[in-house]
N, C-alpha and C. Protein backbone atom coordinates (compact mmCIF):
# COMPACT_ATOMS: atom_id res chain seq x y z
N MET A 1 12.80 -48.35 -13.62
CA MET A 1 13.12 -49.32 -14.66
C MET A 1 11.86 -49.60 -15.46
N GLU A 2 11.99 -49.56 -16.74
CA GLU A 2 10.88 -49.91 -17.61
C GLU A 2 11.12 -51.32 -18.12
N LEU A 3 10.11 -52.14 -18.02
CA LEU A 3 10.23 -53.51 -18.51
C LEU A 3 9.53 -53.58 -19.86
N ILE A 4 10.30 -53.54 -20.93
CA ILE A 4 9.75 -53.56 -22.28
C ILE A 4 9.03 -54.88 -22.52
N GLY A 5 7.78 -54.79 -22.96
CA GLY A 5 6.99 -55.98 -23.27
C GLY A 5 6.27 -56.57 -22.07
N ALA A 6 6.36 -55.92 -20.92
CA ALA A 6 5.70 -56.44 -19.72
C ALA A 6 4.19 -56.34 -19.85
N THR A 7 3.51 -57.39 -19.43
CA THR A 7 2.06 -57.40 -19.34
C THR A 7 1.72 -57.34 -17.86
N TRP A 8 1.18 -56.20 -17.43
CA TRP A 8 0.89 -55.98 -16.01
C TRP A 8 -0.50 -56.47 -15.67
N ARG A 9 -0.62 -57.07 -14.49
CA ARG A 9 -1.93 -57.55 -14.02
C ARG A 9 -2.07 -57.30 -12.53
N LYS A 10 -3.32 -57.14 -12.11
CA LYS A 10 -3.63 -56.97 -10.69
C LYS A 10 -4.28 -58.25 -10.18
N SER A 11 -4.24 -58.43 -8.89
CA SER A 11 -4.91 -59.57 -8.27
C SER A 11 -6.42 -59.42 -8.45
N THR A 12 -7.08 -60.53 -8.62
CA THR A 12 -8.54 -60.50 -8.69
C THR A 12 -9.14 -60.12 -7.34
N ARG A 13 -8.35 -60.18 -6.29
CA ARG A 13 -8.81 -59.81 -4.95
C ARG A 13 -8.45 -58.37 -4.58
N SER A 14 -8.10 -57.57 -5.56
CA SER A 14 -7.61 -56.22 -5.26
C SER A 14 -8.70 -55.28 -4.75
N GLY A 15 -9.95 -55.67 -4.84
CA GLY A 15 -11.02 -54.84 -4.29
C GLY A 15 -11.17 -53.52 -5.00
N ASN A 16 -10.67 -52.45 -4.39
CA ASN A 16 -10.84 -51.11 -4.96
C ASN A 16 -9.90 -50.85 -6.13
N GLY A 17 -9.07 -51.78 -6.48
CA GLY A 17 -8.19 -51.63 -7.62
C GLY A 17 -6.88 -50.94 -7.33
N GLU A 18 -6.66 -50.46 -6.13
CA GLU A 18 -5.41 -49.81 -5.78
C GLU A 18 -4.54 -50.80 -5.03
N CYS A 19 -3.61 -51.36 -5.75
CA CYS A 19 -2.76 -52.40 -5.17
C CYS A 19 -1.47 -52.48 -5.97
N VAL A 20 -0.80 -53.58 -5.88
CA VAL A 20 0.37 -53.79 -6.71
C VAL A 20 -0.03 -54.51 -7.99
N GLU A 21 0.78 -54.32 -9.01
CA GLU A 21 0.62 -55.04 -10.27
C GLU A 21 1.87 -55.88 -10.47
N VAL A 22 1.69 -57.01 -11.11
CA VAL A 22 2.79 -57.94 -11.34
C VAL A 22 2.90 -58.20 -12.84
N ALA A 23 4.12 -58.24 -13.33
CA ALA A 23 4.39 -58.65 -14.71
C ALA A 23 5.29 -59.87 -14.64
N ASP A 24 4.73 -61.02 -14.98
CA ASP A 24 5.50 -62.26 -14.91
C ASP A 24 5.61 -62.95 -16.26
N ASN A 25 5.46 -62.16 -17.32
CA ASN A 25 5.50 -62.74 -18.66
C ASN A 25 6.86 -62.62 -19.34
N LEU A 26 7.84 -62.06 -18.65
CA LEU A 26 9.16 -61.87 -19.26
C LEU A 26 10.14 -62.93 -18.77
N PRO A 27 11.03 -63.38 -19.62
CA PRO A 27 11.98 -64.41 -19.19
C PRO A 27 12.99 -63.86 -18.18
N GLY A 28 13.13 -64.57 -17.07
CA GLY A 28 14.18 -64.25 -16.11
C GLY A 28 13.90 -63.13 -15.14
N VAL A 29 12.70 -62.52 -15.19
CA VAL A 29 12.42 -61.41 -14.27
C VAL A 29 10.91 -61.31 -14.01
N VAL A 30 10.57 -60.96 -12.78
CA VAL A 30 9.19 -60.65 -12.40
C VAL A 30 9.20 -59.21 -11.91
N GLY A 31 8.35 -58.38 -12.49
CA GLY A 31 8.26 -56.99 -12.09
C GLY A 31 7.07 -56.75 -11.18
N VAL A 32 7.23 -55.84 -10.23
CA VAL A 32 6.16 -55.48 -9.31
C VAL A 32 6.15 -53.95 -9.21
N ARG A 33 4.95 -53.36 -9.33
CA ARG A 33 4.84 -51.90 -9.25
C ARG A 33 3.53 -51.52 -8.56
N ASP A 34 3.45 -50.27 -8.16
CA ASP A 34 2.25 -49.70 -7.53
C ASP A 34 1.25 -49.36 -8.63
N SER A 35 0.04 -49.89 -8.54
CA SER A 35 -0.95 -49.64 -9.59
C SER A 35 -1.35 -48.17 -9.69
N LYS A 36 -1.18 -47.42 -8.61
CA LYS A 36 -1.52 -45.99 -8.63
C LYS A 36 -0.45 -45.16 -9.33
N ASP A 37 0.71 -45.73 -9.58
CA ASP A 37 1.83 -45.01 -10.19
C ASP A 37 2.50 -45.88 -11.25
N PRO A 38 1.80 -46.14 -12.36
CA PRO A 38 2.33 -47.08 -13.35
C PRO A 38 3.61 -46.63 -14.04
N THR A 39 3.95 -45.36 -13.96
CA THR A 39 5.21 -44.89 -14.54
C THR A 39 6.30 -44.74 -13.48
N GLY A 40 5.97 -45.12 -12.26
CA GLY A 40 6.92 -45.00 -11.15
C GLY A 40 7.88 -46.17 -11.09
N PRO A 41 8.53 -46.32 -9.95
CA PRO A 41 9.56 -47.36 -9.80
C PRO A 41 8.99 -48.77 -9.88
N VAL A 42 9.85 -49.68 -10.29
CA VAL A 42 9.50 -51.10 -10.42
C VAL A 42 10.49 -51.91 -9.60
N LEU A 43 9.99 -52.82 -8.80
CA LEU A 43 10.84 -53.80 -8.13
C LEU A 43 10.96 -55.01 -9.05
N THR A 44 12.13 -55.59 -9.12
CA THR A 44 12.29 -56.79 -9.94
C THR A 44 12.83 -57.93 -9.08
N PHE A 45 12.37 -59.11 -9.41
CA PHE A 45 12.74 -60.32 -8.68
C PHE A 45 13.08 -61.42 -9.68
N GLU A 46 13.96 -62.31 -9.28
CA GLU A 46 14.17 -63.52 -10.06
C GLU A 46 12.92 -64.39 -9.88
N PRO A 47 12.51 -65.11 -10.93
CA PRO A 47 11.28 -65.91 -10.83
C PRO A 47 11.25 -66.86 -9.64
N HIS A 48 12.37 -67.53 -9.31
CA HIS A 48 12.34 -68.48 -8.18
C HIS A 48 12.15 -67.74 -6.85
N THR A 49 12.67 -66.53 -6.75
CA THR A 49 12.47 -65.73 -5.53
C THR A 49 11.01 -65.31 -5.40
N TRP A 50 10.41 -64.90 -6.51
CA TRP A 50 8.99 -64.50 -6.50
C TRP A 50 8.10 -65.69 -6.13
N ARG A 51 8.39 -66.86 -6.71
CA ARG A 51 7.59 -68.05 -6.38
C ARG A 51 7.70 -68.39 -4.90
N ALA A 52 8.89 -68.28 -4.33
CA ALA A 52 9.08 -68.54 -2.89
C ALA A 52 8.28 -67.55 -2.05
N PHE A 53 8.29 -66.28 -2.44
CA PHE A 53 7.51 -65.27 -1.72
C PHE A 53 6.02 -65.59 -1.77
N ILE A 54 5.51 -65.92 -2.94
CA ILE A 54 4.09 -66.24 -3.08
C ILE A 54 3.74 -67.49 -2.25
N ALA A 55 4.56 -68.50 -2.29
CA ALA A 55 4.30 -69.71 -1.49
C ALA A 55 4.26 -69.37 0.00
N PHE A 56 5.19 -68.55 0.45
CA PHE A 56 5.21 -68.13 1.86
C PHE A 56 3.95 -67.35 2.20
N ALA A 57 3.57 -66.41 1.35
CA ALA A 57 2.38 -65.58 1.60
C ALA A 57 1.11 -66.43 1.67
N LYS A 58 1.01 -67.45 0.86
CA LYS A 58 -0.18 -68.31 0.87
C LYS A 58 -0.28 -69.11 2.15
N GLN A 59 0.84 -69.36 2.82
CA GLN A 59 0.84 -70.13 4.06
C GLN A 59 0.45 -69.28 5.25
N HIS A 60 0.49 -67.96 5.12
CA HIS A 60 0.24 -67.09 6.27
C HIS A 60 -0.94 -66.22 6.10
């Protein structure tokens, strides 16, 4: 899936730069992809689901 207009970003903690990228600038969808394969598959999440995942990850 290509997300037209997506602005992809990596975590500032990505270290070697090989990690996931997130596009959260589009209404109603958050995209996640492998930074090593920017033309490859994209996972999409509803914004509230992505926020719940991030909150959970920060707790652990």
